[in-house]
N, C-alpha and C. Protein backbone atom coordinates (compact mmCIF):
# COMPACT_ATOMS: atom_id res chain seq x y z
N UNK A 1 -3.88 13.09 -2.48
CA UNK A 1 -4.55 12.30 -3.47
C UNK A 1 -5.87 12.97 -3.81
N UNK A 2 -6.24 12.94 -5.06
CA UNK A 2 -7.51 13.51 -5.50
C UNK A 2 -8.67 12.62 -5.08
N UNK A 3 -9.85 13.23 -4.89
CA UNK A 3 -11.03 12.47 -4.51
C UNK A 3 -11.60 11.68 -5.67
N UNK A 4 -11.56 12.28 -6.86
CA UNK A 4 -12.15 11.61 -8.03
C UNK A 4 -11.36 11.96 -9.28
N UNK A 5 -11.57 11.17 -10.32
CA UNK A 5 -10.91 11.37 -11.61
C UNK A 5 -11.50 12.59 -12.29
N UNK A 6 -10.65 13.44 -12.83
CA UNK A 6 -11.13 14.66 -13.49
C UNK A 6 -11.72 14.37 -14.87
N UNK A 7 -11.43 13.21 -15.45
CA UNK A 7 -11.93 12.87 -16.78
C UNK A 7 -13.26 12.13 -16.71
N UNK A 8 -13.30 11.04 -15.93
CA UNK A 8 -14.50 10.19 -15.94
C UNK A 8 -15.36 10.33 -14.67
N UNK A 9 -14.83 10.96 -13.61
CA UNK A 9 -15.60 11.16 -12.39
C UNK A 9 -15.56 9.98 -11.43
N UNK A 10 -14.69 8.99 -11.65
CA UNK A 10 -14.58 7.84 -10.76
C UNK A 10 -14.16 8.29 -9.37
N UNK A 11 -14.88 7.87 -8.35
CA UNK A 11 -14.49 8.13 -6.96
C UNK A 11 -13.42 7.10 -6.61
N UNK A 12 -12.22 7.58 -6.28
CA UNK A 12 -11.10 6.67 -6.04
C UNK A 12 -11.32 5.79 -4.82
N UNK A 13 -11.64 6.40 -3.70
CA UNK A 13 -11.91 5.65 -2.47
C UNK A 13 -13.36 5.82 -2.11
N UNK A 14 -14.14 4.81 -2.38
CA UNK A 14 -15.56 4.86 -2.08
C UNK A 14 -15.79 4.93 -0.57
N UNK A 15 -15.08 4.09 0.16
CA UNK A 15 -15.10 4.10 1.62
C UNK A 15 -13.66 4.27 2.08
N UNK A 16 -13.45 5.00 3.14
CA UNK A 16 -12.09 5.36 3.55
C UNK A 16 -11.23 4.14 3.87
N UNK A 17 -11.79 3.06 4.38
CA UNK A 17 -10.99 1.91 4.76
C UNK A 17 -10.86 0.84 3.68
N UNK A 18 -11.21 1.15 2.45
CA UNK A 18 -11.19 0.14 1.39
C UNK A 18 -9.81 -0.38 1.06
N UNK A 19 -8.78 0.40 1.25
CA UNK A 19 -7.43 -0.04 0.87
C UNK A 19 -6.68 -0.70 2.03
N UNK A 20 -7.34 -0.90 3.15
CA UNK A 20 -6.68 -1.47 4.33
C UNK A 20 -6.07 -2.83 4.04
N UNK A 21 -6.81 -3.72 3.38
CA UNK A 21 -6.31 -5.06 3.07
C UNK A 21 -5.05 -4.97 2.21
N UNK A 22 -5.04 -4.09 1.24
CA UNK A 22 -3.90 -4.00 0.33
C UNK A 22 -2.68 -3.41 1.04
N UNK A 23 -2.90 -2.50 1.98
CA UNK A 23 -1.78 -1.99 2.78
C UNK A 23 -1.18 -3.11 3.61
N UNK A 24 -2.01 -3.95 4.18
CA UNK A 24 -1.50 -5.06 5.00
C UNK A 24 -0.68 -6.01 4.13
N UNK A 25 -1.21 -6.38 2.98
CA UNK A 25 -0.53 -7.33 2.11
C UNK A 25 0.77 -6.75 1.56
N UNK A 26 0.75 -5.49 1.13
CA UNK A 26 1.93 -4.89 0.49
C UNK A 26 2.94 -4.33 1.49
N UNK A 27 2.53 -4.03 2.69
CA UNK A 27 3.38 -3.28 3.59
C UNK A 27 3.75 -4.09 4.83
N UNK A 28 2.78 -4.50 5.58
CA UNK A 28 3.05 -5.10 6.88
C UNK A 28 3.61 -6.52 6.77
N UNK A 29 3.07 -7.32 5.86
CA UNK A 29 3.55 -8.70 5.74
C UNK A 29 5.01 -8.76 5.27
N UNK A 30 5.43 -8.00 4.24
CA UNK A 30 6.86 -8.04 3.88
C UNK A 30 7.78 -7.51 4.99
N UNK A 31 7.34 -6.50 5.72
CA UNK A 31 8.16 -5.99 6.83
C UNK A 31 8.31 -7.06 7.90
N UNK A 32 7.20 -7.70 8.25
CA UNK A 32 7.25 -8.75 9.26
C UNK A 32 8.14 -9.90 8.80
N UNK A 33 8.01 -10.30 7.54
CA UNK A 33 8.85 -11.39 7.02
C UNK A 33 10.32 -11.00 7.04
N UNK A 34 10.62 -9.75 6.67
CA UNK A 34 12.01 -9.28 6.71
C UNK A 34 12.57 -9.27 8.12
N UNK A 35 11.77 -8.82 9.07
CA UNK A 35 12.24 -8.80 10.46
C UNK A 35 12.44 -10.21 10.99
N UNK A 36 11.55 -11.11 10.64
CA UNK A 36 11.71 -12.50 11.08
C UNK A 36 12.99 -13.10 10.50
N UNK A 37 13.26 -12.81 9.21
CA UNK A 37 14.50 -13.30 8.60
C UNK A 37 15.74 -12.71 9.26
N UNK A 38 15.67 -11.43 9.59
CA UNK A 38 16.81 -10.78 10.23
C UNK A 38 17.08 -11.41 11.59
N UNK A 39 16.02 -11.66 12.35
CA UNK A 39 16.18 -12.30 13.66
C UNK A 39 16.66 -13.74 13.49
N UNK A 40 16.10 -14.44 12.50
CA UNK A 40 16.48 -15.82 12.26
C UNK A 40 17.96 -15.95 11.93
N UNK A 41 18.47 -15.03 11.11
CA UNK A 41 19.88 -15.09 10.72
C UNK A 41 20.80 -14.45 11.74
N UNK A 42 20.24 -14.00 12.84
CA UNK A 42 21.05 -13.61 13.98
C UNK A 42 21.60 -12.21 14.00
N UNK A 43 20.92 -11.25 13.42
CA UNK A 43 21.40 -9.87 13.53
C UNK A 43 21.22 -9.40 14.97
N UNK A 44 22.28 -8.96 15.57
CA UNK A 44 22.23 -8.43 16.93
C UNK A 44 22.74 -6.99 16.90
N UNK A 45 21.97 -6.12 17.50
CA UNK A 45 22.37 -4.73 17.57
C UNK A 45 23.30 -4.58 18.77
N UNK A 46 24.56 -4.28 18.48
CA UNK A 46 25.58 -4.23 19.53
C UNK A 46 25.74 -2.83 20.12
N UNK A 47 25.34 -1.80 19.39
CA UNK A 47 25.49 -0.43 19.89
C UNK A 47 24.29 0.39 19.44
N UNK A 48 24.16 1.55 20.03
CA UNK A 48 23.03 2.41 19.65
C UNK A 48 23.19 2.93 18.23
N UNK A 49 24.44 3.09 17.75
CA UNK A 49 24.66 3.54 16.38
C UNK A 49 24.17 2.48 15.38
N UNK A 50 24.43 1.22 15.69
CA UNK A 50 23.95 0.14 14.82
C UNK A 50 22.42 0.08 14.85
N UNK A 51 21.83 0.35 16.00
CA UNK A 51 20.37 0.38 16.10
C UNK A 51 19.77 1.50 15.27
N UNK A 52 20.39 2.68 15.31
CA UNK A 52 19.91 3.80 14.51
C UNK A 52 20.08 3.50 13.02
N UNK A 53 21.19 2.90 12.66
CA UNK A 53 21.44 2.54 11.26
C UNK A 53 20.42 1.50 10.78
N UNK A 54 20.14 0.51 11.60
CA UNK A 54 19.15 -0.51 11.24
C UNK A 54 17.76 0.11 11.10
N UNK A 55 17.37 0.94 12.07
CA UNK A 55 16.06 1.59 12.01
C UNK A 55 15.96 2.49 10.78
N UNK A 56 17.01 3.26 10.50
CA UNK A 56 17.02 4.13 9.32
C UNK A 56 16.95 3.33 8.03
N UNK A 57 17.67 2.20 8.01
CA UNK A 57 17.63 1.34 6.83
C UNK A 57 16.25 0.76 6.57
N UNK A 58 15.46 0.60 7.62
CA UNK A 58 14.08 0.11 7.47
C UNK A 58 13.11 1.25 7.18
N UNK A 59 13.28 2.40 7.84
CA UNK A 59 12.30 3.48 7.78
C UNK A 59 12.42 4.32 6.50
N UNK A 60 13.62 4.63 6.07
CA UNK A 60 13.79 5.52 4.92
C UNK A 60 13.13 4.98 3.65
N UNK A 61 13.34 3.71 3.28
CA UNK A 61 12.64 3.22 2.07
C UNK A 61 11.12 3.21 2.22
N UNK A 62 10.63 2.94 3.43
CA UNK A 62 9.18 2.95 3.64
C UNK A 62 8.59 4.34 3.45
N UNK A 63 9.24 5.34 3.99
CA UNK A 63 8.75 6.71 3.85
C UNK A 63 8.92 7.20 2.41
N UNK A 64 10.03 6.86 1.78
CA UNK A 64 10.31 7.34 0.43
C UNK A 64 9.36 6.76 -0.62
N UNK A 65 8.87 5.55 -0.39
CA UNK A 65 8.01 4.91 -1.38
C UNK A 65 6.53 4.95 -1.00
N UNK A 66 6.16 5.74 -0.01
CA UNK A 66 4.76 5.77 0.44
C UNK A 66 3.78 6.21 -0.66
N UNK A 67 4.05 7.25 -1.46
CA UNK A 67 3.09 7.61 -2.51
C UNK A 67 2.89 6.49 -3.55
N UNK A 68 3.97 5.80 -3.91
CA UNK A 68 3.85 4.72 -4.88
C UNK A 68 3.04 3.56 -4.29
N UNK A 69 3.30 3.23 -3.04
CA UNK A 69 2.57 2.14 -2.40
C UNK A 69 1.10 2.50 -2.21
N UNK A 70 0.81 3.75 -1.93
CA UNK A 70 -0.58 4.18 -1.81
C UNK A 70 -1.28 4.10 -3.17
N UNK A 71 -0.58 4.48 -4.22
CA UNK A 71 -1.15 4.37 -5.56
C UNK A 71 -1.43 2.93 -5.96
N UNK A 72 -0.53 2.02 -5.60
CA UNK A 72 -0.75 0.61 -5.89
C UNK A 72 -1.94 0.09 -5.11
N UNK A 73 -2.09 0.50 -3.86
CA UNK A 73 -3.23 0.05 -3.05
C UNK A 73 -4.54 0.55 -3.65
N UNK A 74 -4.59 1.79 -4.12
CA UNK A 74 -5.80 2.32 -4.75
C UNK A 74 -6.08 1.58 -6.06
N UNK A 75 -5.02 1.28 -6.83
CA UNK A 75 -5.20 0.55 -8.09
C UNK A 75 -5.72 -0.86 -7.84
N UNK A 76 -5.21 -1.55 -6.82
CA UNK A 76 -5.70 -2.88 -6.50
C UNK A 76 -7.14 -2.83 -6.00
N UNK A 77 -7.48 -1.78 -5.26
CA UNK A 77 -8.87 -1.60 -4.83
C UNK A 77 -9.78 -1.40 -6.05
N UNK A 78 -9.32 -0.62 -7.01
CA UNK A 78 -10.10 -0.41 -8.23
C UNK A 78 -10.30 -1.72 -8.98
N UNK A 79 -9.24 -2.52 -9.10
CA UNK A 79 -9.37 -3.80 -9.78
C UNK A 79 -10.37 -4.72 -9.07
N UNK A 80 -10.35 -4.71 -7.75
CA UNK A 80 -11.32 -5.54 -7.03
C UNK A 80 -12.74 -5.02 -7.24
N UNK A 81 -12.90 -3.71 -7.40
CA UNK A 81 -14.22 -3.15 -7.68
C UNK A 81 -14.69 -3.53 -9.07
N UNK A 82 -13.77 -3.68 -10.02
CA UNK A 82 -14.13 -4.07 -11.38
C UNK A 82 -14.46 -5.56 -11.45
N UNK A 83 -13.60 -6.40 -10.85
CA UNK A 83 -13.79 -7.85 -10.95
C UNK A 83 -14.88 -8.39 -10.02
N UNK A 84 -15.14 -7.71 -8.91
CA UNK A 84 -16.19 -8.12 -7.97
C UNK A 84 -17.12 -6.93 -7.75
N UNK A 85 -17.94 -6.60 -8.75
CA UNK A 85 -18.74 -5.37 -8.67
C UNK A 85 -19.82 -5.42 -7.59
N UNK A 86 -20.05 -4.26 -7.01
CA UNK A 86 -21.13 -4.04 -6.06
C UNK A 86 -22.19 -3.23 -6.79
N UNK A 87 -23.43 -3.66 -6.79
CA UNK A 87 -24.47 -2.91 -7.53
C UNK A 87 -24.62 -1.46 -7.07
N UNK A 88 -24.27 -1.17 -5.82
CA UNK A 88 -24.42 0.20 -5.34
C UNK A 88 -23.22 1.08 -5.69
N UNK A 89 -22.16 0.49 -6.26
CA UNK A 89 -20.96 1.24 -6.63
C UNK A 89 -21.14 1.85 -8.02
N UNK A 90 -21.03 3.16 -8.11
CA UNK A 90 -21.21 3.86 -9.38
C UNK A 90 -19.85 4.01 -10.07
N UNK A 91 -19.49 3.01 -10.89
CA UNK A 91 -18.24 3.04 -11.64
C UNK A 91 -18.57 3.48 -13.06
N UNK A 92 -17.96 4.58 -13.54
CA UNK A 92 -18.22 5.03 -14.90
C UNK A 92 -17.79 3.98 -15.92
N UNK A 93 -18.56 3.88 -16.99
CA UNK A 93 -18.19 2.91 -18.04
C UNK A 93 -16.99 3.43 -18.81
N UNK A 94 -16.19 2.49 -19.28
CA UNK A 94 -15.01 2.84 -20.07
C UNK A 94 -15.38 2.87 -21.53
N UNK A 95 -15.15 4.00 -22.18
CA UNK A 95 -15.40 4.13 -23.61
C UNK A 95 -14.11 3.81 -24.34
N UNK A 96 -14.08 2.72 -25.05
CA UNK A 96 -12.84 2.32 -25.73
C UNK A 96 -12.98 2.47 -27.23
N UNK A 97 -13.61 3.51 -27.65
CA UNK A 97 -13.83 3.65 -29.08
C UNK A 97 -13.21 4.82 -29.69
């Protein structure tokens, strides 16, 4: 990921941990809810092959969509910076003309 926008100079991540909340909301909560539903509906791993298949079915989509999820987290962080501005945050003005 780039540090800043090449056009306007916006720093994407002002502080390294700014996207932590969005990762939790977009990533960990749906995984936990899915696992709870799987346990609730009684999925039982009967063999090691079924365990590998279940783990792969969970891990492959997470790894494959990581760049998109990271981009969404940065975009949500940007929106929070726009809607709840911090006076010390240097956000370039948008020229819409």
